[in-house]
Amino acid sequence: MRNAIIAAVLSLALGLGSLARAGDLAVVDAWVRATPPGAGVAAAYLTIDNAGGGADRLLGASSDAAGRVEVHETRRDGEVMRMRKAEPLDIPAGERVVFGPGGLHVMLMELKEPLRQGDTLPLTLRFEHAGEVRVQASILAGDATDPHAVHHH
């Protein structure tokens, strides 16, 4: 519970404003990079805090901004980085699961229009126990590497 409260306070204090709750789960710091015209894919990043005494599972995701949305994981296989679907994804009790560049991410495919810096992206996460969690992901610069990078420009 303490980690979820700290994450929520930090997110709001930094102005990211992406906090969504369902049951014992808190989804914070959701962000995605802006895309150039014609781009068909993007990746969204976020943090899930499970402050409860029981585990949950992320079953999938969706967005009105994309035709298909999947949870992916990037892993090194020798000298090659490979992406694979990571649904369902366990969210252990009392743990934090971080989605970030080079690791877990929400893959947005068949984008309906370019993602513009300064806008937000609606994203719905479906959990086994908590149900649906709707969050607004901040759209940052196309070269952003960190959700806090917006505050350094």
N, C-alpha and C. Protein backbone atom coordinates (compact mmCIF):
# COMPACT_ATOMS: atom_id res chain seq x y z
N MET A 1 0.83 -1.19 0.00
CA MET A 1 0.00 0.00 0.00
C MET A 1 0.87 1.25 0.00
N ARG A 2 1.93 1.22 0.80
CA ARG A 2 2.81 2.38 0.91
C ARG A 2 3.42 2.73 -0.44
N ASN A 3 3.90 1.70 -1.20
CA ASN A 3 4.50 1.96 -2.52
C ASN A 3 3.49 2.57 -3.48
N ALA A 4 2.24 2.11 -3.44
CA ALA A 4 1.22 2.65 -4.33
C ALA A 4 0.94 4.12 -4.00
N ILE A 5 0.90 4.44 -2.73
CA ILE A 5 0.66 5.82 -2.32
C ILE A 5 1.82 6.71 -2.74
N ILE A 6 3.05 6.24 -2.50
CA ILE A 6 4.22 7.02 -2.90
C ILE A 6 4.24 7.24 -4.40
N ALA A 7 3.97 6.19 -5.18
CA ALA A 7 3.97 6.32 -6.65
C ALA A 7 2.90 7.30 -7.10
N ALA A 8 1.73 7.24 -6.50
CA ALA A 8 0.64 8.14 -6.88
C ALA A 8 0.99 9.59 -6.56
N VAL A 9 1.54 9.82 -5.38
CA VAL A 9 1.92 11.18 -4.98
C VAL A 9 3.01 11.72 -5.89
N LEU A 10 4.03 10.92 -6.19
CA LEU A 10 5.10 11.36 -7.09
C LEU A 10 4.57 11.67 -8.48
N SER A 11 3.71 10.81 -8.99
CA SER A 11 3.15 11.02 -10.32
C SER A 11 2.38 12.34 -10.38
N LEU A 12 1.55 12.59 -9.40
CA LEU A 12 0.77 13.82 -9.40
C LEU A 12 1.65 15.04 -9.17
N ALA A 13 2.65 14.90 -8.29
CA ALA A 13 3.54 16.02 -8.01
C ALA A 13 4.36 16.41 -9.23
N LEU A 14 4.73 15.41 -10.04
CA LEU A 14 5.53 15.68 -11.23
C LEU A 14 4.67 16.13 -12.41
N GLY A 15 3.37 16.11 -12.21
CA GLY A 15 2.48 16.61 -13.25
C GLY A 15 2.18 15.61 -14.34
N LEU A 16 2.56 14.34 -14.16
CA LEU A 16 2.25 13.36 -15.18
C LEU A 16 0.77 13.04 -15.17
N GLY A 17 0.16 13.09 -14.01
CA GLY A 17 -1.29 12.99 -13.88
C GLY A 17 -1.90 11.67 -14.32
N SER A 18 -1.12 10.66 -14.61
CA SER A 18 -1.71 9.40 -15.05
C SER A 18 -1.80 8.44 -13.87
N LEU A 19 -2.88 8.51 -13.15
CA LEU A 19 -3.14 7.63 -12.02
C LEU A 19 -4.51 7.02 -12.22
N ALA A 20 -4.58 5.70 -12.18
CA ALA A 20 -5.86 5.00 -12.27
C ALA A 20 -5.82 3.88 -11.25
N ARG A 21 -6.95 3.65 -10.59
CA ARG A 21 -7.03 2.62 -9.57
C ARG A 21 -8.20 1.68 -9.84
N ALA A 22 -8.00 0.43 -9.44
CA ALA A 22 -9.08 -0.56 -9.44
C ALA A 22 -8.73 -1.56 -8.36
N GLY A 23 -9.58 -1.64 -7.34
CA GLY A 23 -9.28 -2.53 -6.23
C GLY A 23 -7.95 -2.17 -5.61
N ASP A 24 -7.08 -3.16 -5.48
CA ASP A 24 -5.76 -2.95 -4.88
C ASP A 24 -4.70 -2.54 -5.88
N LEU A 25 -5.07 -2.38 -7.15
CA LEU A 25 -4.10 -2.02 -8.18
C LEU A 25 -4.10 -0.52 -8.45
N ALA A 26 -2.91 0.02 -8.65
CA ALA A 26 -2.75 1.40 -9.09
C ALA A 26 -1.88 1.38 -10.34
N VAL A 27 -2.33 2.06 -11.39
CA VAL A 27 -1.55 2.20 -12.62
C VAL A 27 -1.11 3.65 -12.67
N VAL A 28 0.22 3.87 -12.71
CA VAL A 28 0.77 5.23 -12.69
C VAL A 28 1.78 5.42 -13.82
N ASP A 29 2.06 6.69 -14.09
CA ASP A 29 3.11 7.09 -15.04
C ASP A 29 2.96 6.47 -16.42
N ALA A 30 1.75 6.41 -16.94
CA ALA A 30 1.56 5.88 -18.30
C ALA A 30 2.01 6.92 -19.32
N TRP A 31 2.84 6.47 -20.28
CA TRP A 31 3.33 7.38 -21.30
C TRP A 31 3.64 6.63 -22.59
N VAL A 32 3.69 7.37 -23.66
CA VAL A 32 4.00 6.84 -24.98
C VAL A 32 4.73 7.93 -25.75
N ARG A 33 5.56 7.53 -26.71
CA ARG A 33 6.27 8.51 -27.53
C ARG A 33 5.38 8.98 -28.68
N ALA A 34 5.54 10.24 -29.05
CA ALA A 34 4.88 10.78 -30.24
C ALA A 34 5.39 10.01 -31.46
N THR A 35 4.55 9.89 -32.49
CA THR A 35 4.93 9.16 -33.69
C THR A 35 4.90 10.08 -34.91
N PRO A 36 5.73 9.79 -35.90
CA PRO A 36 5.69 10.58 -37.14
C PRO A 36 4.48 10.17 -37.99
N PRO A 37 4.07 11.00 -38.93
CA PRO A 37 2.97 10.62 -39.82
C PRO A 37 3.27 9.29 -40.51
N GLY A 38 2.27 8.45 -40.62
CA GLY A 38 2.42 7.16 -41.29
C GLY A 38 2.91 6.02 -40.41
N ALA A 39 3.33 6.31 -39.19
CA ALA A 39 3.79 5.25 -38.29
C ALA A 39 2.61 4.35 -37.94
N GLY A 40 2.84 3.05 -37.96
CA GLY A 40 1.77 2.12 -37.66
C GLY A 40 1.80 1.53 -36.27
N VAL A 41 2.93 1.73 -35.57
CA VAL A 41 3.08 1.14 -34.24
C VAL A 41 3.67 2.13 -33.25
N ALA A 42 3.43 1.86 -31.98
CA ALA A 42 4.02 2.62 -30.88
C ALA A 42 4.01 1.71 -29.65
N ALA A 43 4.78 2.09 -28.64
CA ALA A 43 4.81 1.33 -27.40
C ALA A 43 4.46 2.24 -26.24
N ALA A 44 3.60 1.77 -25.36
CA ALA A 44 3.22 2.52 -24.16
C ALA A 44 3.90 1.88 -22.96
N TYR A 45 4.25 2.74 -22.00
CA TYR A 45 4.95 2.31 -20.80
C TYR A 45 4.18 2.79 -19.58
N LEU A 46 4.30 2.08 -18.47
CA LEU A 46 3.56 2.42 -17.26
C LEU A 46 4.09 1.61 -16.10
N THR A 47 3.55 1.87 -14.92
CA THR A 47 3.90 1.11 -13.73
C THR A 47 2.61 0.63 -13.08
N ILE A 48 2.60 -0.65 -12.69
CA ILE A 48 1.45 -1.23 -11.98
C ILE A 48 1.90 -1.58 -10.57
N ASP A 49 1.22 -1.01 -9.57
CA ASP A 49 1.47 -1.34 -8.18
C ASP A 49 0.32 -2.18 -7.65
N ASN A 50 0.65 -3.34 -7.08
CA ASN A 50 -0.37 -4.19 -6.46
C ASN A 50 -0.17 -4.11 -4.96
N ALA A 51 -0.99 -3.31 -4.30
CA ALA A 51 -0.87 -3.10 -2.86
C ALA A 51 -1.66 -4.14 -2.06
N GLY A 52 -2.30 -5.06 -2.74
CA GLY A 52 -3.14 -6.04 -2.06
C GLY A 52 -2.40 -7.26 -1.57
N GLY A 53 -3.15 -8.12 -0.91
CA GLY A 53 -2.59 -9.35 -0.37
C GLY A 53 -2.67 -10.50 -1.34
N GLY A 54 -3.30 -10.27 -2.51
CA GLY A 54 -3.43 -11.34 -3.50
C GLY A 54 -2.90 -10.91 -4.85
N ALA A 55 -2.44 -11.89 -5.61
CA ALA A 55 -1.92 -11.62 -6.94
C ALA A 55 -3.08 -11.33 -7.90
N ASP A 56 -2.76 -10.70 -9.00
CA ASP A 56 -3.72 -10.46 -10.08
C ASP A 56 -2.99 -10.79 -11.38
N ARG A 57 -3.70 -10.77 -12.48
CA ARG A 57 -3.09 -11.03 -13.78
C ARG A 57 -3.59 -10.01 -14.78
N LEU A 58 -2.66 -9.46 -15.55
CA LEU A 58 -3.00 -8.58 -16.66
C LEU A 58 -3.33 -9.49 -17.84
N LEU A 59 -4.58 -9.46 -18.28
CA LEU A 59 -5.04 -10.36 -19.34
C LEU A 59 -4.89 -9.77 -20.73
N GLY A 60 -4.89 -8.43 -20.81
CA GLY A 60 -4.77 -7.79 -22.11
C GLY A 60 -5.01 -6.30 -21.99
N ALA A 61 -4.99 -5.64 -23.15
CA ALA A 61 -5.16 -4.19 -23.19
C ALA A 61 -5.86 -3.81 -24.48
N SER A 62 -6.41 -2.59 -24.50
CA SER A 62 -7.04 -2.07 -25.70
C SER A 62 -6.94 -0.55 -25.69
N SER A 63 -7.14 0.04 -26.87
CA SER A 63 -7.12 1.49 -27.02
C SER A 63 -7.92 1.86 -28.25
N ASP A 64 -8.69 2.93 -28.15
CA ASP A 64 -9.43 3.43 -29.31
C ASP A 64 -8.48 3.97 -30.38
N ALA A 65 -7.22 4.21 -30.02
CA ALA A 65 -6.25 4.79 -30.95
C ALA A 65 -5.57 3.75 -31.83
N ALA A 66 -5.80 2.45 -31.55
CA ALA A 66 -5.11 1.39 -32.29
C ALA A 66 -6.06 0.25 -32.63
N GLY A 67 -5.80 -0.39 -33.76
CA GLY A 67 -6.60 -1.54 -34.17
C GLY A 67 -6.33 -2.77 -33.33
N ARG A 68 -5.07 -2.94 -32.90
CA ARG A 68 -4.68 -4.08 -32.06
C ARG A 68 -3.75 -3.59 -30.96
N VAL A 69 -3.89 -4.18 -29.78
CA VAL A 69 -3.04 -3.84 -28.63
C VAL A 69 -2.67 -5.14 -27.93
N GLU A 70 -1.37 -5.32 -27.67
CA GLU A 70 -0.89 -6.51 -26.97
C GLU A 70 0.17 -6.11 -25.95
N VAL A 71 0.28 -6.89 -24.89
CA VAL A 71 1.35 -6.71 -23.92
C VAL A 71 2.53 -7.53 -24.42
N HIS A 72 3.68 -6.89 -24.56
CA HIS A 72 4.90 -7.54 -25.07
C HIS A 72 6.04 -7.42 -24.07
N GLU A 73 6.99 -8.31 -24.25
CA GLU A 73 8.22 -8.29 -23.47
C GLU A 73 9.39 -8.36 -24.43
N THR A 74 10.42 -7.54 -24.19
CA THR A 74 11.63 -7.58 -25.00
C THR A 74 12.69 -8.31 -24.18
N ARG A 75 13.33 -9.29 -24.82
CA ARG A 75 14.38 -10.05 -24.15
C ARG A 75 15.57 -10.24 -25.08
N ARG A 76 16.74 -10.31 -24.49
CA ARG A 76 17.95 -10.56 -25.27
C ARG A 76 18.07 -12.07 -25.49
N ASP A 77 18.28 -12.46 -26.75
CA ASP A 77 18.50 -13.85 -27.12
C ASP A 77 19.85 -13.89 -27.82
N GLY A 78 20.92 -14.10 -27.04
CA GLY A 78 22.26 -14.00 -27.59
C GLY A 78 22.58 -12.56 -27.91
N GLU A 79 22.83 -12.27 -29.18
CA GLU A 79 23.14 -10.91 -29.62
C GLU A 79 21.92 -10.17 -30.14
N VAL A 80 20.76 -10.81 -30.12
CA VAL A 80 19.56 -10.25 -30.73
C VAL A 80 18.50 -9.95 -29.67
N MET A 81 17.87 -8.78 -29.79
CA MET A 81 16.73 -8.45 -28.92
C MET A 81 15.47 -8.95 -29.61
N ARG A 82 14.64 -9.69 -28.89
CA ARG A 82 13.41 -10.24 -29.45
C ARG A 82 12.21 -9.80 -28.62
N MET A 83 11.12 -9.54 -29.32
CA MET A 83 9.86 -9.21 -28.65
C MET A 83 8.94 -10.42 -28.72
N ARG A 84 8.20 -10.63 -27.63
CA ARG A 84 7.20 -11.70 -27.64
C ARG A 84 5.99 -11.26 -26.82
N LYS A 85 4.86 -11.81 -27.15
CA LYS A 85 3.64 -11.51 -26.42
C LYS A 85 3.79 -12.02 -24.99
N ALA A 86 3.34 -11.21 -24.01
CA ALA A 86 3.51 -11.56 -22.59
C ALA A 86 2.16 -11.53 -21.87
N GLU A 87 1.14 -12.02 -22.52
CA GLU A 87 -0.19 -12.08 -21.90
C GLU A 87 -0.53 -13.54 -21.66
N PRO A 88 -1.12 -13.89 -20.53
CA PRO A 88 -1.36 -13.04 -19.36
C PRO A 88 -0.05 -12.79 -18.60
N LEU A 89 -0.06 -11.73 -17.83
CA LEU A 89 1.13 -11.32 -17.08
C LEU A 89 0.78 -11.26 -15.60
N ASP A 90 1.50 -12.03 -14.79
CA ASP A 90 1.24 -12.04 -13.34
C ASP A 90 1.67 -10.73 -12.70
N ILE A 91 0.82 -10.22 -11.80
CA ILE A 91 1.11 -9.04 -10.99
C ILE A 91 1.10 -9.53 -9.54
N PRO A 92 2.27 -9.88 -8.99
CA PRO A 92 2.32 -10.47 -7.64
C PRO A 92 1.81 -9.52 -6.55
N ALA A 93 1.28 -10.09 -5.49
CA ALA A 93 0.79 -9.32 -4.35
C ALA A 93 1.93 -8.50 -3.75
N GLY A 94 1.65 -7.23 -3.46
CA GLY A 94 2.62 -6.37 -2.82
C GLY A 94 3.79 -5.97 -3.70
N GLU A 95 3.68 -6.18 -5.00
CA GLU A 95 4.80 -5.91 -5.91
C GLU A 95 4.48 -4.79 -6.89
N ARG A 96 5.54 -4.30 -7.50
CA ARG A 96 5.46 -3.28 -8.55
C ARG A 96 5.99 -3.90 -9.84
N VAL A 97 5.25 -3.73 -10.94
CA VAL A 97 5.69 -4.20 -12.24
C VAL A 97 5.86 -2.97 -13.13
N VAL A 98 7.08 -2.78 -13.61
CA VAL A 98 7.42 -1.59 -14.40
C VAL A 98 7.52 -1.96 -15.88
N PHE A 99 6.80 -1.22 -16.70
CA PHE A 99 6.87 -1.35 -18.16
C PHE A 99 7.75 -0.20 -18.63
N GLY A 100 8.82 -0.50 -19.35
CA GLY A 100 9.72 0.55 -19.81
C GLY A 100 10.44 0.15 -21.08
N PRO A 101 11.10 1.10 -21.72
CA PRO A 101 11.85 0.81 -22.94
C PRO A 101 12.83 -0.35 -22.72
N GLY A 102 12.85 -1.27 -23.66
CA GLY A 102 13.75 -2.41 -23.57
C GLY A 102 13.24 -3.55 -22.71
N GLY A 103 12.01 -3.45 -22.20
CA GLY A 103 11.44 -4.50 -21.35
C GLY A 103 9.98 -4.70 -21.67
N LEU A 104 9.18 -4.81 -20.63
CA LEU A 104 7.73 -4.92 -20.83
C LEU A 104 7.19 -3.64 -21.44
N HIS A 105 6.20 -3.76 -22.32
CA HIS A 105 5.54 -2.60 -22.91
C HIS A 105 4.20 -3.01 -23.47
N VAL A 106 3.34 -2.03 -23.68
CA VAL A 106 2.05 -2.26 -24.33
C VAL A 106 2.24 -1.86 -25.79
N MET A 107 2.15 -2.83 -26.68
CA MET A 107 2.37 -2.60 -28.11
C MET A 107 1.07 -2.17 -28.76
N LEU A 108 1.11 -0.97 -29.35
CA LEU A 108 -0.04 -0.41 -30.06
C LEU A 108 0.20 -0.60 -31.55
N MET A 109 -0.64 -1.41 -32.20
CA MET A 109 -0.47 -1.71 -33.62
C MET A 109 -1.66 -1.19 -34.41
N GLU A 110 -1.43 -0.92 -35.67
CA GLU A 110 -2.48 -0.38 -36.53
C GLU A 110 -3.00 0.95 -35.98
N LEU A 111 -2.06 1.87 -35.68
CA LEU A 111 -2.45 3.18 -35.18
C LEU A 111 -3.40 3.86 -36.15
N LYS A 112 -4.42 4.49 -35.63
CA LYS A 112 -5.43 5.14 -36.47
C LYS A 112 -5.01 6.53 -36.92
N GLU A 113 -4.10 7.17 -36.17
CA GLU A 113 -3.56 8.47 -36.54
C GLU A 113 -2.27 8.68 -35.75
N PRO A 114 -1.43 9.63 -36.18
CA PRO A 114 -0.19 9.87 -35.45
C PRO A 114 -0.47 10.30 -34.00
N LEU A 115 0.43 9.92 -33.11
CA LEU A 115 0.34 10.32 -31.71
C LEU A 115 1.11 11.63 -31.59
N ARG A 116 0.44 12.67 -31.11
CA ARG A 116 1.03 14.01 -31.06
C ARG A 116 1.47 14.37 -29.64
N GLN A 117 2.70 14.86 -29.55
CA GLN A 117 3.24 15.29 -28.26
C GLN A 117 2.29 16.29 -27.61
N GLY A 118 2.05 16.10 -26.32
CA GLY A 118 1.18 16.99 -25.56
C GLY A 118 -0.24 16.46 -25.43
N ASP A 119 -0.64 15.53 -26.31
CA ASP A 119 -1.96 14.91 -26.21
C ASP A 119 -1.89 13.75 -25.22
N THR A 120 -3.01 13.07 -25.04
CA THR A 120 -3.03 11.85 -24.23
C THR A 120 -3.61 10.73 -25.07
N LEU A 121 -3.27 9.51 -24.68
CA LEU A 121 -3.72 8.30 -25.36
C LEU A 121 -4.58 7.50 -24.39
N PRO A 122 -5.84 7.20 -24.74
CA PRO A 122 -6.65 6.37 -23.86
C PRO A 122 -6.20 4.91 -23.94
N LEU A 123 -6.04 4.29 -22.80
CA LEU A 123 -5.58 2.91 -22.73
C LEU A 123 -6.39 2.19 -21.66
N THR A 124 -6.89 1.01 -21.99
CA THR A 124 -7.64 0.21 -21.03
C THR A 124 -6.89 -1.09 -20.79
N LEU A 125 -6.61 -1.38 -19.53
CA LEU A 125 -5.95 -2.62 -19.13
C LEU A 125 -7.01 -3.53 -18.52
N ARG A 126 -7.00 -4.82 -18.88
CA ARG A 126 -7.96 -5.79 -18.35
C ARG A 126 -7.25 -6.76 -17.41
N PHE A 127 -7.70 -6.76 -16.14
CA PHE A 127 -7.11 -7.62 -15.13
C PHE A 127 -8.09 -8.72 -14.74
N GLU A 128 -7.56 -9.85 -14.34
CA GLU A 128 -8.39 -11.00 -13.95
C GLU A 128 -9.31 -10.67 -12.77
N HIS A 129 -8.79 -10.01 -11.74
CA HIS A 129 -9.58 -9.73 -10.54
C HIS A 129 -10.02 -8.27 -10.46
N ALA A 130 -9.16 -7.34 -10.80
CA ALA A 130 -9.49 -5.92 -10.67
C ALA A 130 -10.41 -5.43 -11.78
N GLY A 131 -10.54 -6.19 -12.85
CA GLY A 131 -11.38 -5.77 -13.97
C GLY A 131 -10.65 -4.77 -14.87
N GLU A 132 -11.41 -3.87 -15.47
CA GLU A 132 -10.83 -2.90 -16.38
C GLU A 132 -10.32 -1.67 -15.65
N VAL A 133 -9.14 -1.23 -16.06
CA VAL A 133 -8.55 0.00 -15.55
C VAL A 133 -8.29 0.90 -16.74
N ARG A 134 -8.91 2.06 -16.75
CA ARG A 134 -8.72 3.02 -17.84
C ARG A 134 -7.74 4.09 -17.40
N VAL A 135 -6.77 4.35 -18.26
CA VAL A 135 -5.73 5.33 -17.96
C VAL A 135 -5.49 6.20 -19.19
N GLN A 136 -5.04 7.41 -18.96
CA GLN A 136 -4.66 8.32 -20.04
C GLN A 136 -3.14 8.40 -20.05
N ALA A 137 -2.52 7.89 -21.11
CA ALA A 137 -1.07 7.92 -21.23
C ALA A 137 -0.65 9.26 -21.82
N SER A 138 0.31 9.91 -21.20
CA SER A 138 0.85 11.17 -21.70
C SER A 138 1.68 10.88 -22.95
N ILE A 139 1.48 11.67 -24.00
CA ILE A 139 2.27 11.51 -25.21
C ILE A 139 3.44 12.49 -25.13
N LEU A 140 4.64 11.92 -25.01
CA LEU A 140 5.87 12.71 -24.86
C LEU A 140 6.57 12.85 -26.20
N ALA A 141 7.69 13.53 -26.21
CA ALA A 141 8.49 13.72 -27.42
C ALA A 141 8.86 12.36 -28.02
N GLY A 142 9.05 12.34 -29.32
CA GLY A 142 9.39 11.11 -30.03
C GLY A 142 10.69 10.48 -29.59
N ASP A 143 11.57 11.24 -28.95
CA ASP A 143 12.85 10.70 -28.48
C ASP A 143 12.89 10.52 -26.96
N ALA A 144 11.74 10.61 -26.29
CA ALA A 144 11.70 10.48 -24.83
C ALA A 144 12.15 9.08 -24.40
N THR A 145 12.87 9.02 -23.30
CA THR A 145 13.32 7.74 -22.76
C THR A 145 12.84 7.52 -21.34
N ASP A 146 12.16 8.52 -20.78
CA ASP A 146 11.80 8.49 -19.37
C ASP A 146 10.54 9.34 -19.20
N PRO A 147 9.58 8.90 -18.40
CA PRO A 147 8.36 9.71 -18.25
C PRO A 147 8.61 11.08 -17.65
N HIS A 148 9.76 11.24 -17.01
CA HIS A 148 10.09 12.53 -16.40
C HIS A 148 10.85 13.45 -17.36
N ALA A 149 11.18 12.91 -18.55
CA ALA A 149 11.97 13.68 -19.52
C ALA A 149 11.23 14.93 -19.97
N VAL A 150 9.90 14.87 -19.94
CA VAL A 150 9.10 16.03 -20.34
C VAL A 150 9.41 17.24 -19.48
N HIS A 151 9.89 17.03 -18.26
CA HIS A 151 10.16 18.14 -17.35
C HIS A 151 11.55 18.73 -17.52
N HIS A 152 12.34 18.13 -18.42
CA HIS A 152 13.70 18.63 -18.63
C HIS A 152 13.83 19.47 -19.90
N HIS A 153 12.75 19.62 -20.67
CA HIS A 153 12.83 20.35 -21.94
C HIS A 153 12.33 21.77 -21.78
